[in-house]
Amino acid sequence: MQAQVKKSFEYAVITLLVCGFCLWQLISSTQDGEPPAGKLAVLGLGLLITGVMHCVFMMQIVQRTGRNVGVWFVAIVVFMPIGSAVLLALLLADGDDAQA
């Protein structure tokens, strides 16, 4: 895997993990009754920011690997977790082929 692609790949995975953590905290805090509005706002902003950052890093990967930007934009943004998972799986498979 190219160094530029690897760096974007790592950042995309990190932002996805932080997004999942924010979602987990949001769901768990609403199960305990009425959570503070400030906590909900911060977690909502965290979800929004990390989701957008994940899409940006994924689109950087698409551009740097020379794939069709329009098709992958729809796959990543509209079908957020599925499109990202497919692209990450393709990148990992391409990396294995290049090393063999």
Protein backbone atom coordinates (compact mmCIF):
# COMPACT_ATOMS: atom_id res chain seq x y z
CA MET A 1 0.00 0.00 0.00
CA GLN A 2 1.32 3.46 -0.85
CA ALA A 3 2.40 5.68 2.04
CA GLN A 4 -0.19 8.38 1.22
CA VAL A 5 -2.97 5.81 0.93
CA LYS A 6 -1.89 4.07 4.13
CA LYS A 7 -1.97 7.33 6.08
CA SER A 8 -5.49 8.16 4.87
CA PHE A 9 -6.54 4.56 5.54
CA GLU A 10 -5.35 4.81 9.15
CA TYR A 11 -7.08 8.15 9.69
CA ALA A 12 -10.32 6.81 8.18
CA VAL A 13 -10.30 3.83 10.54
CA ILE A 14 -9.53 6.03 13.56
CA THR A 15 -12.37 8.44 12.76
CA LEU A 16 -14.72 5.50 12.28
CA LEU A 17 -13.77 4.16 15.72
CA VAL A 18 -14.32 7.56 17.34
CA CYS A 19 -17.66 7.85 15.54
CA GLY A 20 -18.67 4.45 16.90
CA PHE A 21 -17.58 5.48 20.39
CA CYS A 22 -19.70 8.66 20.21
CA LEU A 23 -22.69 6.63 19.02
CA TRP A 24 -22.19 4.10 21.82
CA GLN A 25 -22.00 6.88 24.44
CA LEU A 26 -25.08 8.58 22.97
CA ILE A 27 -27.14 5.40 23.09
CA SER A 28 -25.97 4.38 26.56
CA SER A 29 -26.57 7.84 28.03
CA THR A 30 -30.17 7.92 26.80
CA GLN A 31 -30.94 4.58 28.47
CA ASP A 32 -30.32 6.01 31.94
CA GLY A 33 -33.22 8.42 31.78
CA GLU A 34 -33.07 12.05 30.72
CA PRO A 35 -29.44 12.94 29.86
CA PRO A 36 -28.17 16.52 30.01
CA ALA A 37 -28.75 18.49 26.84
CA GLY A 38 -25.09 19.56 26.72
CA LYS A 39 -23.91 15.96 26.67
CA LEU A 40 -26.30 15.11 23.85
CA ALA A 41 -25.16 18.16 21.88
CA VAL A 42 -21.47 17.30 22.27
CA LEU A 43 -22.02 13.67 21.32
CA GLY A 44 -24.15 14.72 18.33
CA LEU A 45 -21.43 17.10 17.17
CA GLY A 46 -18.87 14.34 17.67
CA LEU A 47 -20.93 12.02 15.48
CA LEU A 48 -21.31 14.66 12.79
CA ILE A 49 -17.68 15.75 12.72
CA THR A 50 -16.19 12.25 12.78
CA GLY A 51 -18.65 11.05 10.15
CA VAL A 52 -17.69 13.88 7.81
CA MET A 53 -13.99 13.39 8.50
CA HIS A 54 -14.33 9.68 7.74
CA CYS A 55 -15.97 10.47 4.40
CA VAL A 56 -13.22 12.99 3.58
CA PHE A 57 -10.46 10.49 4.31
CA MET A 58 -12.23 7.80 2.30
CA MET A 59 -12.58 10.15 -0.67
CA GLN A 60 -8.87 10.95 -0.42
CA ILE A 61 -8.20 7.24 -0.69
CA VAL A 62 -10.44 7.02 -3.76
CA GLN A 63 -8.63 9.89 -5.47
CA ARG A 64 -5.15 8.60 -4.62
CA THR A 65 -5.90 5.10 -5.89
CA GLY A 66 -7.37 6.39 -9.15
CA ARG A 67 -10.83 4.93 -8.71
CA ASN A 68 -14.05 6.46 -10.08
CA VAL A 69 -14.85 9.34 -7.70
CA GLY A 70 -18.56 9.64 -8.57
CA VAL A 71 -19.43 6.01 -7.92
CA TRP A 72 -17.43 5.81 -4.71
CA PHE A 73 -18.83 9.14 -3.47
CA VAL A 74 -22.33 7.66 -3.61
CA ALA A 75 -21.14 4.41 -2.05
CA ILE A 76 -19.31 6.11 0.81
CA VAL A 77 -21.62 9.02 1.61
CA VAL A 78 -25.06 7.56 0.92
CA PHE A 79 -24.33 3.98 2.02
CA MET A 80 -21.94 5.09 4.78
CA PRO A 81 -20.87 1.96 6.62
CA ILE A 82 -21.32 -0.50 3.75
CA GLY A 83 -19.51 1.57 1.11
CA SER A 84 -16.62 2.26 3.46
CA ALA A 85 -16.33 -1.40 4.39
CA VAL A 86 -16.29 -2.47 0.73
CA LEU A 87 -13.61 0.07 -0.18
CA LEU A 88 -11.46 -0.84 2.83
CA ALA A 89 -11.78 -4.54 1.95
CA LEU A 90 -10.77 -3.82 -1.66
CA LEU A 91 -7.76 -1.83 -0.48
CA LEU A 92 -6.65 -4.60 1.84
CA ALA A 93 -7.06 -7.16 -0.97
CA ASP A 94 -5.06 -4.94 -3.36
CA GLY A 95 -2.33 -4.62 -0.74
CA ASP A 96 -2.11 -8.41 -0.41
CA ASP A 97 -1.84 -8.83 -4.21
CA ALA A 98 0.92 -6.22 -4.45
CA GLN A 99 2.98 -7.94 -1.74
CA ALA A 100 2.72 -11.40 -3.36
